[in-house]
């Protein structure tokens, strides 16, 4: 089994595995196979769905992060709730403050 383990603060937080192996695990557990639509998370693909979790893991309030990035807490909340997507400059700033290198290098 080829599993990728994603850690945060030295603790395993997520396990990523190939779809076929996931289906085999479901079958072994006696559960019905999941379809792609039901198993796919509701994300933007950029990781912004984890913005609030990343902020909280850094011990920052919305006001703290907004101040560090140079935006209002209300505007930051729009990103965290998925109502708006940040432009490239804000995404890079969020990446710098939160330590997300993919965001820091976004164009």
PDB file of N, CA and C in Angstrom:
ATOM      1  N   UNK A   1       0.853  -1.169   0.000  1.00  0.00           N
ATOM      2  CA  UNK A   1       0.000   0.000   0.000  1.00  0.00           C
ATOM      3  C   UNK A   1       0.899   1.232   0.000  1.00  0.00           C
ATOM      4  N   UNK A   2       0.619   2.170  -0.879  1.00  0.00           N
ATOM      5  CA  UNK A   2       1.428   3.389  -0.954  1.00  0.00           C
ATOM      6  C   UNK A   2       0.633   4.547  -0.361  1.00  0.00           C
ATOM      7  N   UNK A   3       0.937   4.856   0.877  1.00  0.00           N
ATOM      8  CA  UNK A   3       0.226   5.897   1.616  1.00  0.00           C
ATOM      9  C   UNK A   3       1.165   7.065   1.859  1.00  0.00           C
ATOM     10  N   UNK A   4       0.656   8.268   1.634  1.00  0.00           N
ATOM     11  CA  UNK A   4       1.395   9.477   1.976  1.00  0.00           C
ATOM     12  C   UNK A   4       0.796  10.006   3.272  1.00  0.00           C
ATOM     13  N   UNK A   5       1.614  10.216   4.281  1.00  0.00           N
ATOM     14  CA  UNK A   5       1.150  10.731   5.560  1.00  0.00           C
ATOM     15  C   UNK A   5       1.510  12.206   5.640  1.00  0.00           C
ATOM     16  N   UNK A   6       0.519  13.017   5.930  1.00  0.00           N
ATOM     17  CA  UNK A   6       0.719  14.455   6.082  1.00  0.00           C
ATOM     18  C   UNK A   6       0.657  14.764   7.569  1.00  0.00           C
ATOM     19  N   UNK A   7       1.702  15.424   8.061  1.00  0.00           N
ATOM     20  CA  UNK A   7       1.775  15.718   9.487  1.00  0.00           C
ATOM     21  C   UNK A   7       1.652  17.209   9.742  1.00  0.00           C
ATOM     22  N   UNK A   8       1.260  17.513  10.949  1.00  0.00           N
ATOM     23  CA  UNK A   8       1.232  18.894  11.422  1.00  0.00           C
ATOM     24  C   UNK A   8       1.726  18.867  12.859  1.00  0.00           C
ATOM     25  N   UNK A   9       2.690  19.684  13.149  1.00  0.00           N
ATOM     26  CA  UNK A   9       3.292  19.752  14.478  1.00  0.00           C
ATOM     27  C   UNK A   9       3.784  18.380  14.942  1.00  0.00           C
ATOM     28  N   UNK A  10       4.346  17.605  14.000  1.00  0.00           N
ATOM     29  CA  UNK A  10       4.917  16.315  14.330  1.00  0.00           C
ATOM     30  C   UNK A  10       3.917  15.184  14.513  1.00  0.00           C
ATOM     31  N   UNK A  11       2.636  15.452  14.337  1.00  0.00           N
ATOM     32  CA  UNK A  11       1.597  14.436  14.497  1.00  0.00           C
ATOM     33  C   UNK A  11       0.964  14.125  13.153  1.00  0.00           C
ATOM     34  N   UNK A  12       0.701  12.847  12.886  1.00  0.00           N
ATOM     35  CA  UNK A  12       0.016  12.455  11.650  1.00  0.00           C
ATOM     36  C   UNK A  12      -1.384  13.059  11.656  1.00  0.00           C
ATOM     37  N   UNK A  13      -1.742  13.741  10.571  1.00  0.00           N
ATOM     38  CA  UNK A  13      -3.056  14.378  10.493  1.00  0.00           C
ATOM     39  C   UNK A  13      -3.905  13.811   9.360  1.00  0.00           C
ATOM     40  N   UNK A  14      -3.293  13.481   8.229  1.00  0.00           N
ATOM     41  CA  UNK A  14      -4.015  12.946   7.080  1.00  0.00           C
ATOM     42  C   UNK A  14      -3.228  11.787   6.481  1.00  0.00           C
ATOM     43  N   UNK A  15      -3.960  10.874   5.861  1.00  0.00           N
ATOM     44  CA  UNK A  15      -3.345   9.808   5.075  1.00  0.00           C
ATOM     45  C   UNK A  15      -3.919   9.898   3.668  1.00  0.00           C
ATOM     46  N   UNK A  16      -3.039   9.949   2.671  1.00  0.00           N
ATOM     47  CA  UNK A  16      -3.450  10.039   1.270  1.00  0.00           C
ATOM     48  C   UNK A  16      -3.030   8.746   0.595  1.00  0.00           C
ATOM     49  N   UNK A  17      -3.979   8.112  -0.096  1.00  0.00           N
ATOM     50  CA  UNK A  17      -3.667   6.863  -0.765  1.00  0.00           C
ATOM     51  C   UNK A  17      -4.344   6.804  -2.124  1.00  0.00           C
ATOM     52  N   UNK A  18      -3.838   5.958  -3.015  1.00  0.00           N
ATOM     53  CA  UNK A  18      -4.442   5.842  -4.341  1.00  0.00           C
ATOM     54  C   UNK A  18      -5.904   5.392  -4.249  1.00  0.00           C
ATOM     55  N   UNK A  19      -6.709   5.843  -5.208  1.00  0.00           N
ATOM     56  CA  UNK A  19      -8.144   5.575  -5.217  1.00  0.00           C
ATOM     57  C   UNK A  19      -8.435   4.074  -5.160  1.00  0.00           C
ATOM     58  N   UNK A  20      -7.726   3.270  -5.930  1.00  0.00           N
ATOM     59  CA  UNK A  20      -7.968   1.824  -5.953  1.00  0.00           C
ATOM     60  C   UNK A  20      -7.735   1.211  -4.573  1.00  0.00           C
ATOM     61  N   UNK A  21      -6.715   1.688  -3.882  1.00  0.00           N
ATOM     62  CA  UNK A  21      -6.442   1.175  -2.543  1.00  0.00           C
ATOM     63  C   UNK A  21      -7.522   1.611  -1.558  1.00  0.00           C
ATOM     64  N   UNK A  22      -8.030   2.818  -1.722  1.00  0.00           N
ATOM     65  CA  UNK A  22      -9.141   3.305  -0.896  1.00  0.00           C
ATOM     66  C   UNK A  22     -10.371   2.422  -1.107  1.00  0.00           C
ATOM     67  N   UNK A  23     -10.673   2.125  -2.378  1.00  0.00           N
ATOM     68  CA  UNK A  23     -11.818   1.268  -2.691  1.00  0.00           C
ATOM     69  C   UNK A  23     -11.639  -0.120  -2.073  1.00  0.00           C
ATOM     70  N   UNK A  24     -10.420  -0.661  -2.121  1.00  0.00           N
ATOM     71  CA  UNK A  24     -10.150  -1.974  -1.530  1.00  0.00           C
ATOM     72  C   UNK A  24     -10.360  -1.944  -0.015  1.00  0.00           C
ATOM     73  N   UNK A  25      -9.956  -0.866   0.627  1.00  0.00           N
ATOM     74  CA  UNK A  25     -10.177  -0.730   2.073  1.00  0.00           C
ATOM     75  C   UNK A  25     -11.666  -0.685   2.393  1.00  0.00           C
ATOM     76  N   UNK A  26     -12.436   0.048   1.585  1.00  0.00           N
ATOM     77  CA  UNK A  26     -13.885   0.096   1.790  1.00  0.00           C
ATOM     78  C   UNK A  26     -14.491  -1.294   1.659  1.00  0.00           C
ATOM     79  N   UNK A  27     -14.063  -2.019   0.649  1.00  0.00           N
ATOM     80  CA  UNK A  27     -14.580  -3.370   0.412  1.00  0.00           C
ATOM     81  C   UNK A  27     -14.234  -4.281   1.592  1.00  0.00           C
ATOM     82  N   UNK A  28     -12.996  -4.196   2.066  1.00  0.00           N
ATOM     83  CA  UNK A  28     -12.561  -5.020   3.195  1.00  0.00           C
ATOM     84  C   UNK A  28     -13.332  -4.683   4.469  1.00  0.00           C
ATOM     85  N   UNK A  29     -13.747  -3.434   4.597  1.00  0.00           N
ATOM     86  CA  UNK A  29     -14.504  -3.007   5.773  1.00  0.00           C
ATOM     87  C   UNK A  29     -15.993  -3.305   5.626  1.00  0.00           C
ATOM     88  N   UNK A  30     -16.389  -3.842   4.465  1.00  0.00           N
ATOM     89  CA  UNK A  30     -17.785  -4.180   4.246  1.00  0.00           C
ATOM     90  C   UNK A  30     -18.657  -2.998   3.881  1.00  0.00           C
ATOM     91  N   UNK A  31     -18.052  -1.927   3.396  1.00  0.00           N
ATOM     92  CA  UNK A  31     -18.805  -0.745   2.990  1.00  0.00           C
ATOM     93  C   UNK A  31     -18.891  -0.702   1.481  1.00  0.00           C
ATOM     94  N   UNK A  32     -19.937  -0.043   0.995  1.00  0.00           N
ATOM     95  CA  UNK A  32     -20.113   0.116  -0.446  1.00  0.00           C
ATOM     96  C   UNK A  32     -19.026   1.018  -1.003  1.00  0.00           C
ATOM     97  N   UNK A  33     -18.683   0.803  -2.248  1.00  0.00           N
ATOM     98  CA  UNK A  33     -17.705   1.656  -2.920  1.00  0.00           C
ATOM     99  C   UNK A  33     -18.229   3.078  -2.998  1.00  0.00           C
ATOM    100  N   UNK A  34     -17.356   4.015  -2.786  1.00  0.00           N
ATOM    101  CA  UNK A  34     -17.725   5.424  -2.877  1.00  0.00           C
ATOM    102  C   UNK A  34     -17.569   5.888  -4.310  1.00  0.00           C
ATOM    103  N   UNK A  35     -18.495   6.703  -4.741  1.00  0.00           N
ATOM    104  CA  UNK A  35     -18.350   7.294  -6.073  1.00  0.00           C
ATOM    105  C   UNK A  35     -17.445   8.508  -5.963  1.00  0.00           C
ATOM    106  N   UNK A  36     -16.923   8.945  -7.068  1.00  0.00           N
ATOM    107  CA  UNK A  36     -16.036  10.107  -7.062  1.00  0.00           C
ATOM    108  C   UNK A  36     -16.770  11.330  -6.547  1.00  0.00           C
ATOM    109  N   UNK A  37     -18.013  11.527  -6.949  1.00  0.00           N
ATOM    110  CA  UNK A  37     -18.768  12.711  -6.538  1.00  0.00           C
ATOM    111  C   UNK A  37     -18.997  12.733  -5.035  1.00  0.00           C
ATOM    112  N   UNK A  38     -19.303  11.587  -4.422  1.00  0.00           N
ATOM    113  CA  UNK A  38     -19.579  11.583  -2.991  1.00  0.00           C
ATOM    114  C   UNK A  38     -18.305  11.612  -2.159  1.00  0.00           C
ATOM    115  N   UNK A  39     -17.200  11.161  -2.726  1.00  0.00           N
ATOM    116  CA  UNK A  39     -15.957  11.118  -1.968  1.00  0.00           C
ATOM    117  C   UNK A  39     -15.122  12.373  -2.141  1.00  0.00           C
ATOM    118  N   UNK A  40     -15.387  13.152  -3.173  1.00  0.00           N
ATOM    119  CA  UNK A  40     -14.576  14.332  -3.440  1.00  0.00           C
ATOM    120  C   UNK A  40     -14.903  15.439  -2.450  1.00  0.00           C
ATOM    121  N   UNK A  41     -13.897  16.032  -1.822  1.00  0.00           N
ATOM    122  CA  UNK A  41     -14.155  17.123  -0.896  1.00  0.00           C
ATOM    123  C   UNK A  41     -14.563  18.382  -1.639  1.00  0.00           C
ATOM    124  N   UNK A  42     -15.293  19.227  -0.945  1.00  0.00           N
ATOM    125  CA  UNK A  42     -15.710  20.496  -1.528  1.00  0.00           C
ATOM    126  C   UNK A  42     -14.597  21.509  -1.299  1.00  0.00           C
ATOM    127  N   UNK A  43     -13.628  21.522  -2.201  1.00  0.00           N
ATOM    128  CA  UNK A  43     -12.499  22.433  -2.070  1.00  0.00           C
ATOM    129  C   UNK A  43     -12.289  23.183  -3.359  1.00  0.00           C
ATOM    130  N   UNK A  44     -11.488  24.193  -3.269  1.00  0.00           N
ATOM    131  CA  UNK A  44     -11.152  24.959  -4.456  1.00  0.00           C
ATOM    132  C   UNK A  44      -9.923  24.389  -5.137  1.00  0.00           C
ATOM    133  N   UNK A  45      -9.281  23.402  -4.516  1.00  0.00           N
ATOM    134  CA  UNK A  45      -8.075  22.831  -5.083  1.00  0.00           C
ATOM    135  C   UNK A  45      -6.823  23.593  -4.683  1.00  0.00           C
ATOM    136  N   UNK A  46      -6.989  24.720  -4.044  1.00  0.00           N
ATOM    137  CA  UNK A  46      -5.836  25.526  -3.673  1.00  0.00           C
ATOM    138  C   UNK A  46      -5.461  25.356  -2.206  1.00  0.00           C
ATOM    139  N   UNK A  47      -6.261  24.619  -1.453  1.00  0.00           N
ATOM    140  CA  UNK A  47      -5.991  24.454  -0.039  1.00  0.00           C
ATOM    141  C   UNK A  47      -6.620  25.520   0.822  1.00  0.00           C
ATOM    142  N   UNK A  48      -7.335  26.444   0.208  1.00  0.00           N
ATOM    143  CA  UNK A  48      -7.959  27.519   0.978  1.00  0.00           C
ATOM    144  C   UNK A  48      -9.030  27.002   1.921  1.00  0.00           C
ATOM    145  N   UNK A  49      -9.541  25.792   1.673  1.00  0.00           N
ATOM    146  CA  UNK A  49     -10.517  25.217   2.584  1.00  0.00           C
ATOM    147  C   UNK A  49      -9.893  24.963   3.959  1.00  0.00           C
ATOM    148  N   UNK A  50      -8.571  24.961   4.043  1.00  0.00           N
ATOM    149  CA  UNK A  50      -7.856  24.744   5.298  1.00  0.00           C
ATOM    150  C   UNK A  50      -7.360  26.045   5.931  1.00  0.00           C
ATOM    151  N   UNK A  51      -7.749  27.177   5.370  1.00  0.00           N
ATOM    152  CA  UNK A  51      -7.230  28.467   5.835  1.00  0.00           C
ATOM    153  C   UNK A  51      -7.493  28.684   7.322  1.00  0.00           C
ATOM    154  N   UNK A  52      -8.721  28.479   7.770  1.00  0.00           N
ATOM    155  CA  UNK A  52      -9.037  28.693   9.184  1.00  0.00           C
ATOM    156  C   UNK A  52      -8.239  27.736  10.070  1.00  0.00           C
ATOM    157  N   UNK A  53      -8.118  26.476   9.651  1.00  0.00           N
ATOM    158  CA  UNK A  53      -7.354  25.494  10.438  1.00  0.00           C
ATOM    159  C   UNK A  53      -5.885  25.879  10.528  1.00  0.00           C
ATOM    160  N   UNK A  54      -5.321  26.332   9.416  1.00  0.00           N
ATOM    161  CA  UNK A  54      -3.919  26.765   9.418  1.00  0.00           C
ATOM    162  C   UNK A  54      -3.728  27.962  10.339  1.00  0.00           C
ATOM    163  N   UNK A  55      -4.661  28.909  10.265  1.00  0.00           N
ATOM    164  CA  UNK A  55      -4.586  30.103  11.119  1.00  0.00           C
ATOM    165  C   UNK A  55      -4.650  29.700  12.586  1.00  0.00           C
ATOM    166  N   UNK A  56      -5.610  28.833  12.922  1.00  0.00           N
ATOM    167  CA  UNK A  56      -5.772  28.399  14.310  1.00  0.00           C
ATOM    168  C   UNK A  56      -4.554  27.616  14.795  1.00  0.00           C
ATOM    169  N   UNK A  57      -3.968  26.803  13.917  1.00  0.00           N
ATOM    170  CA  UNK A  57      -2.775  26.037  14.292  1.00  0.00           C
ATOM    171  C   UNK A  57      -1.608  26.959  14.633  1.00  0.00           C
ATOM    172  N   UNK A  58      -1.583  28.140  14.028  1.00  0.00           N
ATOM    173  CA  UNK A  58      -0.538  29.129  14.333  1.00  0.00           C
ATOM    174  C   UNK A  58      -0.893  29.953  15.567  1.00  0.00           C
ATOM    175  N   UNK A  59      -2.090  29.693  16.142  1.00  0.00           N
ATOM    176  CA  UNK A  59      -2.512  30.434  17.327  1.00  0.00           C
ATOM    177  C   UNK A  59      -2.916  31.862  17.024  1.00  0.00           C
ATOM    178  N   UNK A  60      -3.380  32.102  15.808  1.00  0.00           N
ATOM    179  CA  UNK A  60      -3.739  33.462  15.392  1.00  0.00           C
ATOM    180  C   UNK A  60      -5.254  33.623  15.322  1.00  0.00           C
ATOM    181  N   UNK A  61      -5.723  34.795  15.701  1.00  0.00           N
ATOM    182  CA  UNK A  61      -7.129  35.139  15.498  1.00  0.00           C
ATOM    183  C   UNK A  61      -7.284  35.656  14.073  1.00  0.00           C
ATOM    184  N   UNK A  62      -8.530  35.813  13.629  1.00  0.00           N
ATOM    185  CA  UNK A  62      -8.742  36.402  12.306  1.00  0.00           C
ATOM    186  C   UNK A  62      -8.149  37.806  12.260  1.00  0.00           C
ATOM    187  N   UNK A  63      -8.311  38.549  13.341  1.00  0.00           N
ATOM    188  CA  UNK A  63      -7.776  39.914  13.375  1.00  0.00           C
ATOM    189  C   UNK A  63      -6.249  39.907  13.264  1.00  0.00           C
ATOM    190  N   UNK A  64      -5.593  38.971  13.956  1.00  0.00           N
ATOM    191  CA  UNK A  64      -4.127  38.878  13.896  1.00  0.00           C
ATOM    192  C   UNK A  64      -3.645  38.599  12.475  1.00  0.00           C
ATOM    193  N   UNK A  65      -4.254  37.589  11.832  1.00  0.00           N
ATOM    194  CA  UNK A  65      -3.828  37.224  10.482  1.00  0.00           C
ATOM    195  C   UNK A  65      -4.149  38.334   9.494  1.00  0.00           C
ATOM    196  N   UNK A  66      -5.332  38.914   9.622  1.00  0.00           N
ATOM    197  CA  UNK A  66      -5.713  39.997   8.712  1.00  0.00           C
ATOM    198  C   UNK A  66      -4.726  41.157   8.820  1.00  0.00           C
ATOM    199  N   UNK A  67      -4.354  41.511  10.039  1.00  0.00           N
ATOM    200  CA  UNK A  67      -3.402  42.608  10.254  1.00  0.00           C
ATOM    201  C   UNK A  67      -2.051  42.270   9.628  1.00  0.00           C
ATOM    202  N   UNK A  68      -1.597  41.032   9.808  1.00  0.00           N
ATOM    203  CA  UNK A  68      -0.299  40.620   9.267  1.00  0.00           C
ATOM    204  C   UNK A  68      -0.281  40.640   7.744  1.00  0.00           C
ATOM    205  N   UNK A  69      -1.436  40.377   7.134  1.00  0.00           N
ATOM    206  CA  UNK A  69      -1.535  40.323   5.674  1.00  0.00           C
ATOM    207  C   UNK A  69      -1.869  41.692   5.089  1.00  0.00           C
ATOM    208  N   UNK A  70      -2.464  42.572   5.909  1.00  0.00           N
ATOM    209  CA  UNK A  70      -2.815  43.911   5.436  1.00  0.00           C
ATOM    210  C   UNK A  70      -4.221  44.018   4.869  1.00  0.00           C
ATOM    211  N   UNK A  71      -5.136  43.194   5.403  1.00  0.00           N
ATOM    212  CA  UNK A  71      -6.534  43.247   4.974  1.00  0.00           C
ATOM    213  C   UNK A  71      -7.421  43.321   6.211  1.00  0.00           C
ATOM    214  N   UNK A  72      -8.715  43.524   6.012  1.00  0.00           N
ATOM    215  CA  UNK A  72      -9.635  43.581   7.148  1.00  0.00           C
ATOM    216  C   UNK A  72     -10.025  42.165   7.582  1.00  0.00           C
ATOM    217  N   UNK A  73     -10.373  42.004   8.863  1.00  0.00           N
ATOM    218  CA  UNK A  73     -10.840  40.698   9.323  1.00  0.00           C
ATOM    219  C   UNK A  73     -12.079  40.223   8.551  1.00  0.00           C
ATOM    220  N   UNK A  74     -12.950  41.152   8.173  1.00  0.00           N
ATOM    221  CA  UNK A  74     -14.141  40.786   7.399  1.00  0.00           C
ATOM    222  C   UNK A  74     -13.746  40.189   6.050  1.00  0.00           C
ATOM    223  N   UNK A  75     -12.767  40.797   5.397  1.00  0.00           N
ATOM    224  CA  UNK A  75     -12.311  40.302   4.094  1.00  0.00           C
ATOM    225  C   UNK A  75     -11.677  38.917   4.252  1.00  0.00           C
ATOM    226  N   UNK A  76     -10.889  38.723   5.304  1.00  0.00           N
ATOM    227  CA  UNK A  76     -10.297  37.414   5.585  1.00  0.00           C
ATOM    228  C   UNK A  76     -11.390  36.374   5.806  1.00  0.00           C
ATOM    229  N   UNK A  77     -12.444  36.747   6.521  1.00  0.00           N
ATOM    230  CA  UNK A  77     -13.546  35.825   6.773  1.00  0.00           C
ATOM    231  C   UNK A  77     -14.189  35.359   5.467  1.00  0.00           C
ATOM    232  N   UNK A  78     -14.267  36.234   4.479  1.00  0.00           N
ATOM    233  CA  UNK A  78     -14.822  35.843   3.179  1.00  0.00           C
ATOM    234  C   UNK A  78     -13.986  34.738   2.541  1.00  0.00           C
ATOM    235  N   UNK A  79     -12.671  34.773   2.725  1.00  0.00           N
ATOM    236  CA  UNK A  79     -11.800  33.721   2.193  1.00  0.00           C
ATOM    237  C   UNK A  79     -12.007  32.420   2.968  1.00  0.00           C
ATOM    238  N   UNK A  80     -12.088  32.540   4.298  1.00  0.00           N
ATOM    239  CA  UNK A  80     -12.228  31.347   5.134  1.00  0.00           C
ATOM    240  C   UNK A  80     -13.553  30.632   4.903  1.00  0.00           C
ATOM    241  N   UNK A  81     -14.594  31.375   4.570  1.00  0.00           N
ATOM    242  CA  UNK A  81     -15.905  30.756   4.338  1.00  0.00           C
ATOM    243  C   UNK A  81     -16.107  30.353   2.886  1.00  0.00           C
ATOM    244  N   UNK A  82     -15.152  30.674   2.029  1.00  0.00           N
ATOM    245  CA  UNK A  82     -15.248  30.293   0.625  1.00  0.00           C
ATOM    246  C   UNK A  82     -16.097  31.219  -0.218  1.00  0.00           C
ATOM    247  N   UNK A  83     -16.514  32.348   0.353  1.00  0.00           N
ATOM    248  CA  UNK A  83     -17.336  33.295  -0.404  1.00  0.00           C
ATOM    249  C   UNK A  83     -16.527  34.058  -1.440  1.00  0.00           C
ATOM    250  N   UNK A  84     -15.260  34.264  -1.169  1.00  0.00           N
ATOM    251  CA  UNK A  84     -14.362  34.964  -2.092  1.00  0.00           C
ATOM    252  C   UNK A  84     -13.042  34.219  -2.140  1.00  0.00           C
ATOM    253  N   UNK A  85     -12.312  34.440  -3.215  1.00  0.00           N
ATOM    254  CA  UNK A  85     -10.959  33.891  -3.333  1.00  0.00           C
ATOM    255  C   UNK A  85      -9.978  35.060  -3.326  1.00  0.00           C
ATOM    256  N   UNK A  86      -8.872  34.930  -2.624  1.00  0.00           N
ATOM    257  CA  UNK A  86      -7.899  36.023  -2.587  1.00  0.00           C
ATOM    258  C   UNK A  86      -7.179  36.170  -3.921  1.00  0.00           C
ATOM    259  N   UNK A  87      -6.777  37.405  -4.221  1.00  0.00           N
ATOM    260  CA  UNK A  87      -5.967  37.597  -5.429  1.00  0.00           C
ATOM    261  C   UNK A  87      -4.553  37.093  -5.140  1.00  0.00           C
ATOM    262  N   UNK A  88      -3.715  37.103  -6.154  1.00  0.00           N
ATOM    263  CA  UNK A  88      -2.372  36.551  -6.031  1.00  0.00           C
ATOM    264  C   UNK A  88      -1.537  37.180  -4.934  1.00  0.00           C
ATOM    265  N   UNK A  89      -1.599  38.499  -4.810  1.00  0.00           N
ATOM    266  CA  UNK A  89      -0.787  39.189  -3.802  1.00  0.00           C
ATOM    267  C   UNK A  89      -1.215  38.804  -2.391  1.00  0.00           C
ATOM    268  N   UNK A  90      -2.515  38.732  -2.160  1.00  0.00           N
ATOM    269  CA  UNK A  90      -3.003  38.357  -0.828  1.00  0.00           C
ATOM    270  C   UNK A  90      -2.683  36.896  -0.546  1.00  0.00           C
ATOM    271  N   UNK A  91      -2.836  36.039  -1.545  1.00  0.00           N
ATOM    272  CA  UNK A  91      -2.520  34.623  -1.364  1.00  0.00           C
ATOM    273  C   UNK A  91      -1.042  34.438  -1.011  1.00  0.00           C
ATOM    274  N   UNK A  92      -0.166  35.180  -1.670  1.00  0.00           N
ATOM    275  CA  UNK A  92       1.267  35.103  -1.348  1.00  0.00           C
ATOM    276  C   UNK A  92       1.519  35.575   0.084  1.00  0.00           C
ATOM    277  N   UNK A  93       0.845  36.640   0.500  1.00  0.00           N
ATOM    278  CA  UNK A  93       1.008  37.137   1.872  1.00  0.00           C
ATOM    279  C   UNK A  93       0.503  36.121   2.887  1.00  0.00           C
ATOM    280  N   UNK A  94      -0.646  35.511   2.591  1.00  0.00           N
ATOM    281  CA  UNK A  94      -1.167  34.468   3.478  1.00  0.00           C
ATOM    282  C   UNK A  94      -0.165  33.318   3.570  1.00  0.00           C
ATOM    283  N   UNK A  95       0.399  32.929   2.444  1.00  0.00           N
ATOM    284  CA  UNK A  95       1.384  31.857   2.424  1.00  0.00           C
ATOM    285  C   UNK A  95       2.616  32.187   3.238  1.00  0.00           C
ATOM    286  N   UNK A  96       3.075  33.431   3.124  1.00  0.00           N
ATOM    287  CA  UNK A  96       4.256  33.853   3.880  1.00  0.00           C
ATOM    288  C   UNK A  96       3.982  33.787   5.379  1.00  0.00           C
ATOM    289  N   UNK A  97       2.843  34.319   5.810  1.00  0.00           N
ATOM    290  CA  UNK A  97       2.524  34.365   7.238  1.00  0.00           C
ATOM    291  C   UNK A  97       2.242  32.966   7.795  1.00  0.00           C
ATOM    292  N   UNK A  98       1.544  32.134   7.016  1.00  0.00           N
ATOM    293  CA  UNK A  98       1.145  30.811   7.502  1.00  0.00           C
ATOM    294  C   UNK A  98       2.148  29.712   7.167  1.00  0.00           C
ATOM    295  N   UNK A  99       3.176  30.042   6.380  1.00  0.00           N
ATOM    296  CA  UNK A  99       4.189  29.055   6.041  1.00  0.00           C
ATOM    297  C   UNK A  99       3.743  28.042   5.003  1.00  0.00           C
ATOM    298  N   UNK A 100       2.919  28.480   4.052  1.00  0.00           N
ATOM    299  CA  UNK A 100       2.456  27.599   2.969  1.00  0.00           C
ATOM    300  C   UNK A 100       3.217  27.993   1.711  1.00  0.00           C
ATOM    301  N   UNK A 101       4.252  27.224   1.387  1.00  0.00           N
ATOM    302  CA  UNK A 101       5.144  27.610   0.290  1.00  0.00           C
ATOM    303  C   UNK A 101       4.436  27.644  -1.059  1.00  0.00           C
ATOM    304  N   UNK A 102       3.448  26.759  -1.280  1.00  0.00           N
ATOM    305  CA  UNK A 102       2.715  26.780  -2.555  1.00  0.00           C
ATOM    306  C   UNK A 102       2.015  28.118  -2.764  1.00  0.00           C
ATOM    307  N   UNK A 103       1.498  28.694  -1.695  1.00  0.00           N
ATOM    308  CA  UNK A 103       0.801  29.983  -1.806  1.00  0.00           C
ATOM    309  C   UNK A 103       1.803  31.112  -2.007  1.00  0.00           C
ATOM    310  N   UNK A 104       2.955  31.001  -1.356  1.00  0.00           N
ATOM    311  CA  UNK A 104       3.972  32.047  -1.472  1.00  0.00           C
ATOM    312  C   UNK A 104       4.458  32.195  -2.903  1.00  0.00           C
ATOM    313  N   UNK A 105       4.429  31.108  -3.659  1.00  0.00           N
ATOM    314  CA  UNK A 105       4.952  31.125  -5.022  1.00  0.00           C
ATOM    315  C   UNK A 105       3.860  31.270  -6.063  1.00  0.00           C
ATOM    316  N   UNK A 106       2.614  31.496  -5.627  1.00  0.00           N
ATOM    317  CA  UNK A 106       1.510  31.627  -6.582  1.00  0.00           C
ATOM    318  C   UNK A 106       1.658  32.925  -7.357  1.00  0.00           C
ATOM    319  N   UNK A 107       1.126  32.915  -8.581  1.00  0.00           N
ATOM    320  CA  UNK A 107       1.255  34.130  -9.408  1.00  0.00           C
ATOM    321  C   UNK A 107      -0.017  34.916  -9.435  1.00  0.00           C
TER     322      UNK A 107
END
